[in-house]
Amino acid sequence: MAPDTPRKSSDVRIRFGHPWRLMQETRALTLLILGHVIVFLLSIGHDEIVAEMVADGWIFARYAEQIELLFGLVLFVCWGALTVRLVTMLQRARTGDCICPRCNQRCGDPE
């Protein structure tokens, strides 16, 4: 077909990536890992972030230490919530709940 030939909309099917990457569990796990990375990076630089906020005049210098502690506490709580969610997701996917592709039985059951 020539590039300028009109096509019917039903002829074009665009697929981004691999379909298995778009499963709900895969997306949830990817977002959890991304959340862990973001919280980790914020926790590395949270004191510099607060220092920049003081320098820009967003917060008073006398409250900088309290804001830094509060920011660290919020990041700690976020990290804990992400970890709890990740652990519950991995517990649901443990090997005792899977189906063997060869024998079509539950994994770990004798054949």
PDB file of N, CA and C in Angstrom:
ATOM      1  N   MET A   1       0.833  -1.176   0.000  1.00  0.00           N
ATOM      2  CA  MET A   1       0.000   0.000   0.000  1.00  0.00           C
ATOM      3  C   MET A   1       0.877   1.239   0.000  1.00  0.00           C
ATOM      4  N   ALA A   2       0.511   2.199  -0.773  1.00  0.00           N
ATOM      5  CA  ALA A   2       1.255   3.456  -0.811  1.00  0.00           C
ATOM      6  C   ALA A   2       0.975   4.254   0.456  1.00  0.00           C
ATOM      7  N   PRO A   3       1.942   5.076   0.889  1.00  0.00           N
ATOM      8  CA  PRO A   3       1.742   5.836   2.128  1.00  0.00           C
ATOM      9  C   PRO A   3       0.579   6.817   2.071  1.00  0.00           C
ATOM     10  N   ASP A   4       0.258   7.313   0.871  1.00  0.00           N
ATOM     11  CA  ASP A   4      -0.821   8.297   0.781  1.00  0.00           C
ATOM     12  C   ASP A   4      -2.176   7.669   0.527  1.00  0.00           C
ATOM     13  N   THR A   5      -2.255   6.344   0.446  1.00  0.00           N
ATOM     14  CA  THR A   5      -3.522   5.666   0.224  1.00  0.00           C
ATOM     15  C   THR A   5      -4.354   5.714   1.496  1.00  0.00           C
ATOM     16  N   PRO A   6      -5.608   6.143   1.401  1.00  0.00           N
ATOM     17  CA  PRO A   6      -6.442   6.180   2.611  1.00  0.00           C
ATOM     18  C   PRO A   6      -6.745   4.765   3.104  1.00  0.00           C
ATOM     19  N   ARG A   7      -6.786   4.627   4.391  1.00  0.00           N
ATOM     20  CA  ARG A   7      -7.095   3.337   5.009  1.00  0.00           C
ATOM     21  C   ARG A   7      -8.358   3.458   5.839  1.00  0.00           C
ATOM     22  N   LYS A   8      -9.006   2.329   5.997  1.00  0.00           N
ATOM     23  CA  LYS A   8     -10.145   2.295   6.905  1.00  0.00           C
ATOM     24  C   LYS A   8      -9.616   2.249   8.331  1.00  0.00           C
ATOM     25  N   SER A   9     -10.375   2.797   9.244  1.00  0.00           N
ATOM     26  CA  SER A   9      -9.923   2.811  10.637  1.00  0.00           C
ATOM     27  C   SER A   9      -9.823   1.406  11.216  1.00  0.00           C
ATOM     28  N   SER A  10     -10.578   0.458  10.675  1.00  0.00           N
ATOM     29  CA  SER A  10     -10.520  -0.904  11.193  1.00  0.00           C
ATOM     30  C   SER A  10      -9.251  -1.628  10.745  1.00  0.00           C
ATOM     31  N   ASP A  11      -8.566  -1.111   9.699  1.00  0.00           N
ATOM     32  CA  ASP A  11      -7.340  -1.739   9.225  1.00  0.00           C
ATOM     33  C   ASP A  11      -6.149  -1.433  10.128  1.00  0.00           C
ATOM     34  N   VAL A  12      -6.209  -0.329  10.831  1.00  0.00           N
ATOM     35  CA  VAL A  12      -5.074   0.105  11.634  1.00  0.00           C
ATOM     36  C   VAL A  12      -5.289  -0.308  13.087  1.00  0.00           C
ATOM     37  N   ARG A  13      -4.340  -1.050  13.589  1.00  0.00           N
ATOM     38  CA  ARG A  13      -4.401  -1.444  14.992  1.00  0.00           C
ATOM     39  C   ARG A  13      -3.051  -1.143  15.622  1.00  0.00           C
ATOM     40  N   ILE A  14      -3.029  -0.155  16.472  1.00  0.00           N
ATOM     41  CA  ILE A  14      -1.781   0.267  17.088  1.00  0.00           C
ATOM     42  C   ILE A  14      -1.643  -0.422  18.431  1.00  0.00           C
ATOM     43  N   ARG A  15      -0.504  -1.037  18.634  1.00  0.00           N
ATOM     44  CA  ARG A  15      -0.215  -1.665  19.922  1.00  0.00           C
ATOM     45  C   ARG A  15       1.107  -1.126  20.414  1.00  0.00           C
ATOM     46  N   PHE A  16       1.090  -0.562  21.583  1.00  0.00           N
ATOM     47  CA  PHE A  16       2.297  -0.038  22.181  1.00  0.00           C
ATOM     48  C   PHE A  16       2.886  -1.083  23.108  1.00  0.00           C
ATOM     49  N   GLY A  17       4.116  -1.455  22.891  1.00  0.00           N
ATOM     50  CA  GLY A  17       4.777  -2.412  23.772  1.00  0.00           C
ATOM     51  C   GLY A  17       4.220  -3.810  23.614  1.00  0.00           C
ATOM     52  N   HIS A  18       4.432  -4.605  24.621  1.00  0.00           N
ATOM     53  CA  HIS A  18       3.932  -5.972  24.627  1.00  0.00           C
ATOM     54  C   HIS A  18       2.640  -6.022  25.433  1.00  0.00           C
ATOM     55  N   PRO A  19       1.640  -6.773  24.974  1.00  0.00           N
ATOM     56  CA  PRO A  19       0.359  -6.811  25.696  1.00  0.00           C
ATOM     57  C   PRO A  19       0.479  -7.290  27.137  1.00  0.00           C
ATOM     58  N   TRP A  20       1.411  -8.214  27.436  1.00  0.00           N
ATOM     59  CA  TRP A  20       1.529  -8.712  28.810  1.00  0.00           C
ATOM     60  C   TRP A  20       2.035  -7.640  29.747  1.00  0.00           C
ATOM     61  N   ARG A  21       2.694  -6.627  29.224  1.00  0.00           N
ATOM     62  CA  ARG A  21       3.161  -5.546  30.087  1.00  0.00           C
ATOM     63  C   ARG A  21       2.021  -4.649  30.540  1.00  0.00           C
ATOM     64  N   LEU A  22       0.886  -4.746  29.884  1.00  0.00           N
ATOM     65  CA  LEU A  22      -0.235  -3.879  30.198  1.00  0.00           C
ATOM     66  C   LEU A  22      -1.223  -4.524  31.162  1.00  0.00           C
ATOM     67  N   MET A  23      -0.915  -5.712  31.671  1.00  0.00           N
ATOM     68  CA  MET A  23      -1.818  -6.343  32.625  1.00  0.00           C
ATOM     69  C   MET A  23      -1.883  -5.506  33.897  1.00  0.00           C
ATOM     70  N   GLN A  24      -2.985  -5.581  34.594  1.00  0.00           N
ATOM     71  CA  GLN A  24      -3.198  -4.743  35.770  1.00  0.00           C
ATOM     72  C   GLN A  24      -2.157  -4.995  36.859  1.00  0.00           C
ATOM     73  N   GLU A  25      -1.813  -6.250  37.097  1.00  0.00           N
ATOM     74  CA  GLU A  25      -0.826  -6.552  38.131  1.00  0.00           C
ATOM     75  C   GLU A  25       0.544  -6.002  37.751  1.00  0.00           C
ATOM     76  N   THR A  26       0.885  -6.088  36.472  1.00  0.00           N
ATOM     77  CA  THR A  26       2.173  -5.576  36.018  1.00  0.00           C
ATOM     78  C   THR A  26       2.236  -4.069  36.171  1.00  0.00           C
ATOM     79  N   ARG A  27       1.152  -3.396  35.811  1.00  0.00           N
ATOM     80  CA  ARG A  27       1.111  -1.941  35.969  1.00  0.00           C
ATOM     81  C   ARG A  27       1.209  -1.547  37.434  1.00  0.00           C
ATOM     82  N   ALA A  28       0.495  -2.261  38.287  1.00  0.00           N
ATOM     83  CA  ALA A  28       0.524  -1.944  39.719  1.00  0.00           C
ATOM     84  C   ALA A  28       1.924  -2.154  40.294  1.00  0.00           C
ATOM     85  N   LEU A  29       2.570  -3.248  39.920  1.00  0.00           N
ATOM     86  CA  LEU A  29       3.925  -3.507  40.409  1.00  0.00           C
ATOM     87  C   LEU A  29       4.906  -2.458  39.884  1.00  0.00           C
ATOM     88  N   THR A  30       4.763  -2.077  38.627  1.00  0.00           N
ATOM     89  CA  THR A  30       5.628  -1.046  38.053  1.00  0.00           C
ATOM     90  C   THR A  30       5.445   0.282  38.773  1.00  0.00           C
ATOM     91  N   LEU A  31       4.210   0.650  39.064  1.00  0.00           N
ATOM     92  CA  LEU A  31       3.962   1.903  39.773  1.00  0.00           C
ATOM     93  C   LEU A  31       4.472   1.854  41.210  1.00  0.00           C
ATOM     94  N   LEU A  32       4.388   0.691  41.850  1.00  0.00           N
ATOM     95  CA  LEU A  32       4.932   0.560  43.205  1.00  0.00           C
ATOM     96  C   LEU A  32       6.452   0.725  43.212  1.00  0.00           C
ATOM     97  N   ILE A  33       7.110   0.111  42.248  1.00  0.00           N
ATOM     98  CA  ILE A  33       8.566   0.259  42.167  1.00  0.00           C
ATOM     99  C   ILE A  33       8.934   1.696  41.843  1.00  0.00           C
ATOM    100  N   LEU A  34       8.196   2.316  40.937  1.00  0.00           N
ATOM    101  CA  LEU A  34       8.440   3.720  40.611  1.00  0.00           C
ATOM    102  C   LEU A  34       8.209   4.609  41.831  1.00  0.00           C
ATOM    103  N   GLY A  35       7.180   4.309  42.605  1.00  0.00           N
ATOM    104  CA  GLY A  35       6.928   5.058  43.834  1.00  0.00           C
ATOM    105  C   GLY A  35       8.065   4.919  44.827  1.00  0.00           C
ATOM    106  N   HIS A  36       8.603   3.709  44.956  1.00  0.00           N
ATOM    107  CA  HIS A  36       9.750   3.508  45.842  1.00  0.00           C
ATOM    108  C   HIS A  36      10.955   4.328  45.376  1.00  0.00           C
ATOM    109  N   VAL A  37      11.195   4.346  44.075  1.00  0.00           N
ATOM    110  CA  VAL A  37      12.334   5.113  43.547  1.00  0.00           C
ATOM    111  C   VAL A  37      12.142   6.603  43.811  1.00  0.00           C
ATOM    112  N   ILE A  38      10.934   7.112  43.582  1.00  0.00           N
ATOM    113  CA  ILE A  38      10.667   8.542  43.790  1.00  0.00           C
ATOM    114  C   ILE A  38      10.832   8.914  45.259  1.00  0.00           C
ATOM    115  N   VAL A  39      10.275   8.105  46.155  1.00  0.00           N
ATOM    116  CA  VAL A  39      10.403   8.397  47.587  1.00  0.00           C
ATOM    117  C   VAL A  39      11.867   8.316  48.016  1.00  0.00           C
ATOM    118  N   PHE A  40      12.602   7.359  47.480  1.00  0.00           N
ATOM    119  CA  PHE A  40      14.023   7.243  47.814  1.00  0.00           C
ATOM    120  C   PHE A  40      14.795   8.479  47.362  1.00  0.00           C
ATOM    121  N   LEU A  41      14.545   8.923  46.137  1.00  0.00           N
ATOM    122  CA  LEU A  41      15.248  10.108  45.634  1.00  0.00           C
ATOM    123  C   LEU A  41      14.865  11.363  46.417  1.00  0.00           C
ATOM    124  N   LEU A  42      13.599  11.479  46.786  1.00  0.00           N
ATOM    125  CA  LEU A  42      13.190  12.622  47.603  1.00  0.00           C
ATOM    126  C   LEU A  42      13.823  12.571  48.993  1.00  0.00           C
ATOM    127  N   SER A  43      13.958  11.372  49.533  1.00  0.00           N
ATOM    128  CA  SER A  43      14.559  11.271  50.869  1.00  0.00           C
ATOM    129  C   SER A  43      16.047  11.603  50.850  1.00  0.00           C
ATOM    130  N   ILE A  44      16.706  11.352  49.729  1.00  0.00           N
ATOM    131  CA  ILE A  44      18.118  11.731  49.623  1.00  0.00           C
ATOM    132  C   ILE A  44      18.266  13.245  49.652  1.00  0.00           C
ATOM    133  N   GLY A  45      17.371  13.954  48.963  1.00  0.00           N
ATOM    134  CA  GLY A  45      17.538  15.393  48.845  1.00  0.00           C
ATOM    135  C   GLY A  45      16.553  16.236  49.608  1.00  0.00           C
ATOM    136  N   HIS A  46      15.892  15.672  50.620  1.00  0.00           N
ATOM    137  CA  HIS A  46      14.860  16.460  51.297  1.00  0.00           C
ATOM    138  C   HIS A  46      15.437  17.641  52.073  1.00  0.00           C
ATOM    139  N   ASP A  47      16.654  17.522  52.586  1.00  0.00           N
ATOM    140  CA  ASP A  47      17.234  18.661  53.301  1.00  0.00           C
ATOM    141  C   ASP A  47      17.606  19.793  52.341  1.00  0.00           C
ATOM    142  N   GLU A  48      18.067  19.438  51.130  1.00  0.00           N
ATOM    143  CA  GLU A  48      18.343  20.474  50.135  1.00  0.00           C
ATOM    144  C   GLU A  48      17.062  21.133  49.640  1.00  0.00           C
ATOM    145  N   ILE A  49      15.994  20.351  49.546  1.00  0.00           N
ATOM    146  CA  ILE A  49      14.707  20.909  49.114  1.00  0.00           C
ATOM    147  C   ILE A  49      14.224  21.937  50.128  1.00  0.00           C
ATOM    148  N   VAL A  50      14.324  21.605  51.408  1.00  0.00           N
ATOM    149  CA  VAL A  50      13.902  22.546  52.454  1.00  0.00           C
ATOM    150  C   VAL A  50      14.804  23.776  52.454  1.00  0.00           C
ATOM    151  N   ALA A  51      16.103  23.597  52.245  1.00  0.00           N
ATOM    152  CA  ALA A  51      17.020  24.743  52.192  1.00  0.00           C
ATOM    153  C   ALA A  51      16.676  25.668  51.030  1.00  0.00           C
ATOM    154  N   GLU A  52      16.306  25.103  49.897  1.00  0.00           N
ATOM    155  CA  GLU A  52      15.898  25.926  48.750  1.00  0.00           C
ATOM    156  C   GLU A  52      14.583  26.652  49.033  1.00  0.00           C
ATOM    157  N   MET A  53      13.677  25.992  49.746  1.00  0.00           N
ATOM    158  CA  MET A  53      12.414  26.650  50.099  1.00  0.00           C
ATOM    159  C   MET A  53      12.660  27.826  51.038  1.00  0.00           C
ATOM    160  N   VAL A  54      13.619  27.685  51.958  1.00  0.00           N
ATOM    161  CA  VAL A  54      13.980  28.792  52.851  1.00  0.00           C
ATOM    162  C   VAL A  54      14.619  29.912  52.042  1.00  0.00           C
ATOM    163  N   ALA A  55      15.520  29.549  51.119  1.00  0.00           N
ATOM    164  CA  ALA A  55      16.205  30.562  50.310  1.00  0.00           C
ATOM    165  C   ALA A  55      15.237  31.316  49.406  1.00  0.00           C
ATOM    166  N   ASP A  56      14.206  30.631  48.921  1.00  0.00           N
ATOM    167  CA  ASP A  56      13.218  31.275  48.047  1.00  0.00           C
ATOM    168  C   ASP A  56      12.145  32.017  48.825  1.00  0.00           C
ATOM    169  N   GLY A  57      12.121  31.858  50.132  1.00  0.00           N
ATOM    170  CA  GLY A  57      11.162  32.574  50.958  1.00  0.00           C
ATOM    171  C   GLY A  57       9.822  31.887  51.130  1.00  0.00           C
ATOM    172  N   TRP A  58       9.741  30.612  50.801  1.00  0.00           N
ATOM    173  CA  TRP A  58       8.480  29.884  50.955  1.00  0.00           C
ATOM    174  C   TRP A  58       8.192  29.565  52.418  1.00  0.00           C
ATOM    175  N   ILE A  59       9.248  29.329  53.205  1.00  0.00           N
ATOM    176  CA  ILE A  59       9.082  29.071  54.637  1.00  0.00           C
ATOM    177  C   ILE A  59      10.097  29.921  55.398  1.00  0.00           C
ATOM    178  N   PHE A  60       9.791  30.183  56.655  1.00  0.00           N
ATOM    179  CA  PHE A  60      10.700  30.959  57.496  1.00  0.00           C
ATOM    180  C   PHE A  60      11.888  30.094  57.909  1.00  0.00           C
ATOM    181  N   ALA A  61      13.041  30.739  58.080  1.00  0.00           N
ATOM    182  CA  ALA A  61      14.267  30.014  58.433  1.00  0.00           C
ATOM    183  C   ALA A  61      14.155  29.349  59.803  1.00  0.00           C
ATOM    184  N   ARG A  62      13.400  29.956  60.711  1.00  0.00           N
ATOM    185  CA  ARG A  62      13.289  29.370  62.054  1.00  0.00           C
ATOM    186  C   ARG A  62      12.482  28.068  62.057  1.00  0.00           C
ATOM    187  N   TYR A  63      11.668  27.849  61.017  1.00  0.00           N
ATOM    188  CA  TYR A  63      10.876  26.616  60.927  1.00  0.00           C
ATOM    189  C   TYR A  63      11.525  25.565  60.024  1.00  0.00           C
ATOM    190  N   ALA A  64      12.721  25.834  59.520  1.00  0.00           N
ATOM    191  CA  ALA A  64      13.346  24.935  58.541  1.00  0.00           C
ATOM    192  C   ALA A  64      13.582  23.541  59.119  1.00  0.00           C
ATOM    193  N   GLU A  65      14.062  23.475  60.343  1.00  0.00           N
ATOM    194  CA  GLU A  65      14.355  22.169  60.930  1.00  0.00           C
ATOM    195  C   GLU A  65      13.077  21.359  61.158  1.00  0.00           C
ATOM    196  N   GLN A  66      12.022  22.014  61.634  1.00  0.00           N
ATOM    197  CA  GLN A  66      10.757  21.301  61.851  1.00  0.00           C
ATOM    198  C   GLN A  66      10.154  20.833  60.522  1.00  0.00           C
ATOM    199  N   ILE A  67      10.238  21.682  59.503  1.00  0.00           N
ATOM    200  CA  ILE A  67       9.707  21.301  58.186  1.00  0.00           C
ATOM    201  C   ILE A  67      10.513  20.137  57.614  1.00  0.00           C
ATOM    202  N   GLU A  68      11.818  20.167  57.812  1.00  0.00           N
ATOM    203  CA  GLU A  68      12.662  19.073  57.328  1.00  0.00           C
ATOM    204  C   GLU A  68      12.309  17.764  58.027  1.00  0.00           C
ATOM    205  N   LEU A  69      12.091  17.807  59.329  1.00  0.00           N
ATOM    206  CA  LEU A  69      11.682  16.603  60.059  1.00  0.00           C
ATOM    207  C   LEU A  69      10.302  16.120  59.619  1.00  0.00           C
ATOM    208  N   LEU A  70       9.389  17.051  59.422  1.00  0.00           N
ATOM    209  CA  LEU A  70       8.048  16.686  58.962  1.00  0.00           C
ATOM    210  C   LEU A  70       8.094  16.077  57.562  1.00  0.00           C
ATOM    211  N   PHE A  71       8.899  16.670  56.683  1.00  0.00           N
ATOM    212  CA  PHE A  71       9.064  16.155  55.327  1.00  0.00           C
ATOM    213  C   PHE A  71       9.637  14.733  55.371  1.00  0.00           C
ATOM    214  N   GLY A  72      10.638  14.514  56.217  1.00  0.00           N
ATOM    215  CA  GLY A  72      11.210  13.183  56.371  1.00  0.00           C
ATOM    216  C   GLY A  72      10.213  12.183  56.927  1.00  0.00           C
ATOM    217  N   LEU A  73       9.384  12.617  57.874  1.00  0.00           N
ATOM    218  CA  LEU A  73       8.358  11.736  58.433  1.00  0.00           C
ATOM    219  C   LEU A  73       7.323  11.352  57.380  1.00  0.00           C
ATOM    220  N   VAL A  74       6.906  12.313  56.577  1.00  0.00           N
ATOM    221  CA  VAL A  74       5.939  12.029  55.505  1.00  0.00           C
ATOM    222  C   VAL A  74       6.534  11.043  54.505  1.00  0.00           C
ATOM    223  N   LEU A  75       7.796  11.233  54.146  1.00  0.00           N
ATOM    224  CA  LEU A  75       8.448  10.298  53.227  1.00  0.00           C
ATOM    225  C   LEU A  75       8.569   8.908  53.843  1.00  0.00           C
ATOM    226  N   PHE A  76       8.841   8.838  55.147  1.00  0.00           N
ATOM    227  CA  PHE A  76       8.927   7.552  55.835  1.00  0.00           C
ATOM    228  C   PHE A  76       7.577   6.835  55.817  1.00  0.00           C
ATOM    229  N   VAL A  77       6.507   7.569  56.055  1.00  0.00           N
ATOM    230  CA  VAL A  77       5.165   6.974  56.030  1.00  0.00           C
ATOM    231  C   VAL A  77       4.819   6.508  54.617  1.00  0.00           C
ATOM    232  N   CYS A  78       5.167   7.303  53.613  1.00  0.00           N
ATOM    233  CA  CYS A  78       4.918   6.901  52.224  1.00  0.00           C
ATOM    234  C   CYS A  78       5.700   5.641  51.870  1.00  0.00           C
ATOM    235  N   TRP A  79       6.959   5.580  52.292  1.00  0.00           N
ATOM    236  CA  TRP A  79       7.777   4.392  52.043  1.00  0.00           C
ATOM    237  C   TRP A  79       7.152   3.165  52.710  1.00  0.00           C
ATOM    238  N   GLY A  80       6.692   3.320  53.932  1.00  0.00           N
ATOM    239  CA  GLY A  80       6.058   2.206  54.629  1.00  0.00           C
ATOM    240  C   GLY A  80       4.786   1.741  53.949  1.00  0.00           C
ATOM    241  N   ALA A  81       3.962   2.678  53.502  1.00  0.00           N
ATOM    242  CA  ALA A  81       2.718   2.312  52.816  1.00  0.00           C
ATOM    243  C   ALA A  81       3.008   1.601  51.500  1.00  0.00           C
ATOM    244  N   LEU A  82       3.987   2.088  50.754  1.00  0.00           N
ATOM    245  CA  LEU A  82       4.362   1.425  49.503  1.00  0.00           C
ATOM    246  C   LEU A  82       4.900   0.023  49.764  1.00  0.00           C
ATOM    247  N   THR A  83       5.672  -0.141  50.818  1.00  0.00           N
ATOM    248  CA  THR A  83       6.235  -1.450  51.141  1.00  0.00           C
ATOM    249  C   THR A  83       5.149  -2.428  51.570  1.00  0.00           C
ATOM    250  N   VAL A  84       4.205  -1.970  52.369  1.00  0.00           N
ATOM    251  CA  VAL A  84       3.096  -2.841  52.787  1.00  0.00           C
ATOM    252  C   VAL A  84       2.291  -3.288  51.574  1.00  0.00           C
ATOM    253  N   ARG A  85       2.019  -2.373  50.668  1.00  0.00           N
ATOM    254  CA  ARG A  85       1.268  -2.720  49.453  1.00  0.00           C
ATOM    255  C   ARG A  85       2.054  -3.699  48.586  1.00  0.00           C
ATOM    256  N   LEU A  86       3.363  -3.499  48.481  1.00  0.00           N
ATOM    257  CA  LEU A  86       4.198  -4.401  47.692  1.00  0.00           C
ATOM    258  C   LEU A  86       4.221  -5.799  48.303  1.00  0.00           C
ATOM    259  N   VAL A  87       4.326  -5.881  49.617  1.00  0.00           N
ATOM    260  CA  VAL A  87       4.354  -7.187  50.287  1.00  0.00           C
ATOM    261  C   VAL A  87       3.022  -7.906  50.117  1.00  0.00           C
ATOM    262  N   THR A  88       1.909  -7.201  50.248  1.00  0.00           N
ATOM    263  CA  THR A  88       0.611  -7.864  50.056  1.00  0.00           C
ATOM    264  C   THR A  88       0.437  -8.326  48.616  1.00  0.00           C
ATOM    265  N   MET A  89       0.941  -7.556  47.667  1.00  0.00           N
ATOM    266  CA  MET A  89       0.847  -7.970  46.266  1.00  0.00           C
ATOM    267  C   MET A  89       1.697  -9.214  46.013  1.00  0.00           C
ATOM    268  N   LEU A  90       2.881  -9.261  46.590  1.00  0.00           N
ATOM    269  CA  LEU A  90       3.747 -10.419  46.398  1.00  0.00           C
ATOM    270  C   LEU A  90       3.229 -11.646  47.136  1.00  0.00           C
ATOM    271  N   GLN A  91       2.568 -11.460  48.273  1.00  0.00           N
ATOM    272  CA  GLN A  91       1.988 -12.605  48.982  1.00  0.00           C
ATOM    273  C   GLN A  91       0.859 -13.232  48.181  1.00  0.00           C
ATOM    274  N   ARG A  92       0.095 -12.401  47.483  1.00  0.00           N
ATOM    275  CA  ARG A  92      -0.981 -12.943  46.654  1.00  0.00           C
ATOM    276  C   ARG A  92      -0.436 -13.702  45.458  1.00  0.00           C
ATOM    277  N   ALA A  93       0.761 -13.373  45.025  1.00  0.00           N
ATOM    278  CA  ALA A  93       1.341 -14.007  43.840  1.00  0.00           C
ATOM    279  C   ALA A  93       2.324 -15.114  44.196  1.00  0.00           C
ATOM    280  N   ARG A  94       2.281 -15.613  45.405  1.00  0.00           N
ATOM    281  CA  ARG A  94       3.249 -16.641  45.805  1.00  0.00           C
ATOM    282  C   ARG A  94       3.027 -17.919  44.993  1.00  0.00           C
ATOM    283  N   THR A  95       4.009 -18.779  45.013  1.00  0.00           N
ATOM    284  CA  THR A  95       4.003 -19.941  44.124  1.00  0.00           C
ATOM    285  C   THR A  95       2.882 -20.922  44.428  1.00  0.00           C
ATOM    286  N   GLY A  96       2.345 -20.941  45.615  1.00  0.00           N
ATOM    287  CA  GLY A  96       1.263 -21.862  45.939  1.00  0.00           C
ATOM    288  C   GLY A  96      -0.044 -21.531  45.247  1.00  0.00           C
ATOM    289  N   ASP A  97      -0.151 -20.354  44.666  1.00  0.00           N
ATOM    290  CA  ASP A  97      -1.391 -19.943  44.021  1.00  0.00           C
ATOM    291  C   ASP A  97      -1.313 -19.985  42.497  1.00  0.00           C
ATOM    292  N   CYS A  98      -0.273 -20.577  41.938  1.00  0.00           N
ATOM    293  CA  CYS A  98      -0.122 -20.540  40.484  1.00  0.00           C
ATOM    294  C   CYS A  98      -0.551 -21.863  39.860  1.00  0.00           C
ATOM    295  N   ILE A  99      -0.688 -21.845  38.555  1.00  0.00           N
ATOM    296  CA  ILE A  99      -1.034 -23.031  37.779  1.00  0.00           C
ATOM    297  C   ILE A  99       0.163 -23.368  36.898  1.00  0.00           C
ATOM    298  N   CYS A 100       0.604 -24.614  36.937  1.00  0.00           N
ATOM    299  CA  CYS A 100       1.743 -25.055  36.136  1.00  0.00           C
ATOM    300  C   CYS A 100       1.335 -25.111  34.664  1.00  0.00           C
ATOM    301  N   PRO A 101       2.106 -24.491  33.755  1.00  0.00           N
ATOM    302  CA  PRO A 101       1.721 -24.513  32.345  1.00  0.00           C
ATOM    303  C   PRO A 101       1.895 -25.883  31.697  1.00  0.00           C
ATOM    304  N   ARG A 102       2.774 -26.749  32.258  1.00  0.00           N
ATOM    305  CA  ARG A 102       2.998 -28.061  31.655  1.00  0.00           C
ATOM    306  C   ARG A 102       1.900 -29.055  32.011  1.00  0.00           C
ATOM    307  N   CYS A 103       1.583 -29.156  33.308  1.00  0.00           N
ATOM    308  CA  CYS A 103       0.639 -30.189  33.745  1.00  0.00           C
ATOM    309  C   CYS A 103      -0.750 -29.640  34.044  1.00  0.00           C
ATOM    310  N   ASN A 104      -0.925 -28.336  33.996  1.00  0.00           N
ATOM    311  CA  ASN A 104      -2.214 -27.683  34.208  1.00  0.00           C
ATOM    312  C   ASN A 104      -2.774 -27.951  35.604  1.00  0.00           C
ATOM    313  N   GLN A 105      -1.882 -28.143  36.587  1.00  0.00           N
ATOM    314  CA  GLN A 105      -2.276 -28.317  37.978  1.00  0.00           C
ATOM    315  C   GLN A 105      -1.669 -27.191  38.792  1.00  0.00           C
ATOM    316  N   ARG A 106      -2.098 -27.109  40.051  1.00  0.00           N
ATOM    317  CA  ARG A 106      -1.530 -26.090  40.932  1.00  0.00           C
ATOM    318  C   ARG A 106      -0.050 -26.380  41.144  1.00  0.00           C
ATOM    319  N   CYS A 107       0.759 -25.331  41.178  1.00  0.00           N
ATOM    320  CA  CYS A 107       2.196 -25.491  41.400  1.00  0.00           C
ATOM    321  C   CYS A 107       2.434 -26.100  42.775  1.00  0.00           C
ATOM    322  N   GLY A 108       3.324 -27.068  42.839  1.00  0.00           N
ATOM    323  CA  GLY A 108       3.653 -27.710  44.102  1.00  0.00           C
ATOM    324  C   GLY A 108       2.842 -28.961  44.366  1.00  0.00           C
ATOM    325  N   ASP A 109       1.745 -29.203  43.631  1.00  0.00           N
ATOM    326  CA  ASP A 109       0.953 -30.418  43.808  1.00  0.00           C
ATOM    327  C   ASP A 109       1.654 -31.580  43.111  1.00  0.00           C
ATOM    328  N   PRO A 110       1.607 -32.791  43.685  1.00  0.00           N
ATOM    329  CA  PRO A 110       2.194 -33.948  42.996  1.00  0.00           C
ATOM    330  C   PRO A 110       1.370 -34.285  41.761  1.00  0.00           C
ATOM    331  N   GLU A 111       2.064 -34.751  40.742  1.00  0.00           N
ATOM    332  CA  GLU A 111       1.364 -35.052  39.482  1.00  0.00           C
ATOM    333  C   GLU A 111       0.678 -36.373  39.509  1.00  0.00           C
TER     334      GLU A 111
END
